[in-house]
Amino acid sequence: MSEFIQKIVSGINDKLDGVDMSKSIALNIKDEGSIIVDENGARAEEAEADCTISCSAKTFKGLVDGSVNPMTAVMMGKIKIGGDKMVAMSLGKILG
């Protein structure tokens, strides 16, 4: 697991308290790895999920630091969302 993925997993787990994660999210970060976020927390793993979000490491960093607008990034094709798009909204609560 890359250091980048380890930091994301740790950061997400720190912010999951009180967030309803009854549905799962798969984060696929190009050239870095995959993360699953569900009721068991975040972990570096590739698995099926209710919602899959794919982007580059640069785009993901921008989402976290606020320099990338998620809606604009989706419209520009920098972020791809598959499955239940409403589940993706819970990621905003975790990252924001």
C-alpha atoms as a PDB file:
ATOM      1  CA  MET A   1       0.000   0.000   0.000  1.00  0.00           C
ATOM      2  CA  SER A   2       1.365   3.402  -0.953  1.00  0.00           C
ATOM      3  CA  GLU A   3       1.973   6.125   1.603  1.00  0.00           C
ATOM      4  CA  PHE A   4      -0.642   8.237  -0.217  1.00  0.00           C
ATOM      5  CA  ILE A   5      -3.303   5.535   0.246  1.00  0.00           C
ATOM      6  CA  GLN A   6      -2.284   5.028   3.896  1.00  0.00           C
ATOM      7  CA  LYS A   7      -2.805   8.750   4.587  1.00  0.00           C
ATOM      8  CA  ILE A   8      -6.229   8.717   2.930  1.00  0.00           C
ATOM      9  CA  VAL A   9      -7.351   5.620   4.866  1.00  0.00           C
ATOM     10  CA  SER A  10      -6.165   7.128   8.152  1.00  0.00           C
ATOM     11  CA  GLY A  11      -7.781  10.511   7.420  1.00  0.00           C
ATOM     12  CA  ILE A  12     -11.115   8.975   6.443  1.00  0.00           C
ATOM     13  CA  ASN A  13     -11.189   6.739   9.518  1.00  0.00           C
ATOM     14  CA  ASP A  14     -10.572   9.810  11.711  1.00  0.00           C
ATOM     15  CA  LYS A  15     -13.681  11.501  10.237  1.00  0.00           C
ATOM     16  CA  LEU A  16     -16.135   8.601  10.034  1.00  0.00           C
ATOM     17  CA  ASP A  17     -17.569   9.059  13.526  1.00  0.00           C
ATOM     18  CA  GLY A  18     -21.290   9.794  13.202  1.00  0.00           C
ATOM     19  CA  VAL A  19     -21.442   9.353   9.399  1.00  0.00           C
ATOM     20  CA  ASP A  20     -23.970   6.786   8.137  1.00  0.00           C
ATOM     21  CA  MET A  21     -21.990   4.361   6.006  1.00  0.00           C
ATOM     22  CA  SER A  22     -24.673   1.716   5.535  1.00  0.00           C
ATOM     23  CA  LYS A  23     -23.725   1.735   1.840  1.00  0.00           C
ATOM     24  CA  SER A  24     -20.182   1.297   0.602  1.00  0.00           C
ATOM     25  CA  ILE A  25     -17.928   3.519  -1.510  1.00  0.00           C
ATOM     26  CA  ALA A  26     -14.946   2.346  -3.544  1.00  0.00           C
ATOM     27  CA  LEU A  27     -12.307   5.000  -4.219  1.00  0.00           C
ATOM     28  CA  ASN A  28     -10.093   4.127  -7.161  1.00  0.00           C
ATOM     29  CA  ILE A  29      -7.164   6.515  -7.312  1.00  0.00           C
ATOM     30  CA  LYS A  30      -5.202   6.149 -10.534  1.00  0.00           C
ATOM     31  CA  ASP A  31      -1.630   4.886 -10.110  1.00  0.00           C
ATOM     32  CA  GLU A  32      -2.059   4.725  -6.307  1.00  0.00           C
ATOM     33  CA  GLY A  33      -4.625   2.084  -5.359  1.00  0.00           C
ATOM     34  CA  SER A  34      -8.140   1.432  -4.135  1.00  0.00           C
ATOM     35  CA  ILE A  35      -9.953   2.123  -0.876  1.00  0.00           C
ATOM     36  CA  ILE A  36     -13.245   0.769   0.407  1.00  0.00           C
ATOM     37  CA  VAL A  37     -15.284   2.854   2.859  1.00  0.00           C
ATOM     38  CA  ASP A  38     -18.219   1.138   4.589  1.00  0.00           C
ATOM     39  CA  GLU A  39     -19.708   0.445   8.026  1.00  0.00           C
ATOM     40  CA  ASN A  40     -16.395  -1.196   9.003  1.00  0.00           C
ATOM     41  CA  GLY A  41     -14.374   1.925   8.217  1.00  0.00           C
ATOM     42  CA  ALA A  42     -11.879   2.664   5.457  1.00  0.00           C
ATOM     43  CA  ARG A  43      -9.265   0.201   4.289  1.00  0.00           C
ATOM     44  CA  ALA A  44      -6.970  -0.289   1.321  1.00  0.00           C
ATOM     45  CA  GLU A  45      -8.804  -2.933  -0.663  1.00  0.00           C
ATOM     46  CA  GLU A  46     -10.290  -3.544  -4.073  1.00  0.00           C
ATOM     47  CA  ALA A  47     -13.888  -4.769  -3.798  1.00  0.00           C
ATOM     48  CA  GLU A  48     -17.406  -4.283  -5.129  1.00  0.00           C
ATOM     49  CA  ALA A  49     -19.237  -1.280  -3.672  1.00  0.00           C
ATOM     50  CA  ASP A  50     -22.577   0.510  -3.936  1.00  0.00           C
ATOM     51  CA  CYS A  51     -20.769   3.503  -5.453  1.00  0.00           C
ATOM     52  CA  THR A  52     -17.408   3.717  -7.212  1.00  0.00           C
ATOM     53  CA  ILE A  53     -15.494   6.970  -7.526  1.00  0.00           C
ATOM     54  CA  SER A  54     -12.459   7.109  -9.801  1.00  0.00           C
ATOM     55  CA  CYS A  55      -9.996   9.967 -10.217  1.00  0.00           C
ATOM     56  CA  SER A  56      -6.316  10.845 -10.321  1.00  0.00           C
ATOM     57  CA  ALA A  57      -4.262  11.454  -7.185  1.00  0.00           C
ATOM     58  CA  LYS A  58      -3.973  15.128  -8.163  1.00  0.00           C
ATOM     59  CA  THR A  59      -7.753  15.492  -8.403  1.00  0.00           C
ATOM     60  CA  PHE A  60      -8.275  13.689  -5.097  1.00  0.00           C
ATOM     61  CA  LYS A  61      -5.766  15.974  -3.358  1.00  0.00           C
ATOM     62  CA  GLY A  62      -7.678  18.946  -4.768  1.00  0.00           C
ATOM     63  CA  LEU A  63     -10.952  17.586  -3.384  1.00  0.00           C
ATOM     64  CA  VAL A  64      -9.404  17.281   0.063  1.00  0.00           C
ATOM     65  CA  ASP A  65      -7.744  20.732   0.086  1.00  0.00           C
ATOM     66  CA  GLY A  66     -10.755  22.449  -1.498  1.00  0.00           C
ATOM     67  CA  SER A  67      -9.011  23.584  -4.681  1.00  0.00           C
ATOM     68  CA  VAL A  68     -11.153  21.259  -6.846  1.00  0.00           C
ATOM     69  CA  ASN A  69     -14.921  21.685  -7.021  1.00  0.00           C
ATOM     70  CA  PRO A  70     -16.421  18.168  -7.077  1.00  0.00           C
ATOM     71  CA  MET A  71     -19.327  19.051  -9.384  1.00  0.00           C
ATOM     72  CA  THR A  72     -17.066  20.800 -11.886  1.00  0.00           C
ATOM     73  CA  ALA A  73     -14.607  17.900 -11.796  1.00  0.00           C
ATOM     74  CA  VAL A  74     -17.416  15.420 -12.528  1.00  0.00           C
ATOM     75  CA  MET A  75     -18.691  17.538 -15.429  1.00  0.00           C
ATOM     76  CA  MET A  76     -15.157  17.827 -16.842  1.00  0.00           C
ATOM     77  CA  GLY A  77     -14.632  14.069 -16.581  1.00  0.00           C
ATOM     78  CA  LYS A  78     -11.888  14.333 -13.954  1.00  0.00           C
ATOM     79  CA  ILE A  79     -14.029  12.311 -11.550  1.00  0.00           C
ATOM     80  CA  LYS A  80     -16.077   9.336 -12.675  1.00  0.00           C
ATOM     81  CA  ILE A  81     -18.899   8.021 -10.502  1.00  0.00           C
ATOM     82  CA  GLY A  82     -20.499   4.628 -11.000  1.00  0.00           C
ATOM     83  CA  GLY A  83     -23.337   2.947  -9.181  1.00  0.00           C
ATOM     84  CA  ASP A  84     -25.486   4.823  -6.655  1.00  0.00           C
ATOM     85  CA  LYS A  85     -24.497   8.460  -7.105  1.00  0.00           C
ATOM     86  CA  MET A  86     -26.372   9.516  -3.961  1.00  0.00           C
ATOM     87  CA  VAL A  87     -23.925   7.476  -1.897  1.00  0.00           C
ATOM     88  CA  ALA A  88     -21.127   9.674  -3.255  1.00  0.00           C
ATOM     89  CA  MET A  89     -22.648  12.590  -1.335  1.00  0.00           C
ATOM     90  CA  SER A  90     -21.626  10.954   1.957  1.00  0.00           C
ATOM     91  CA  LEU A  91     -17.996  11.250   0.869  1.00  0.00           C
ATOM     92  CA  GLY A  92     -18.421  15.019   0.960  1.00  0.00           C
ATOM     93  CA  LYS A  93     -19.332  14.776   4.642  1.00  0.00           C
ATOM     94  CA  ILE A  94     -16.204  12.760   5.293  1.00  0.00           C
ATOM     95  CA  LEU A  95     -13.801  14.914   3.279  1.00  0.00           C
ATOM     96  CA  GLY A  96     -15.393  18.262   4.067  1.00  0.00           C
END
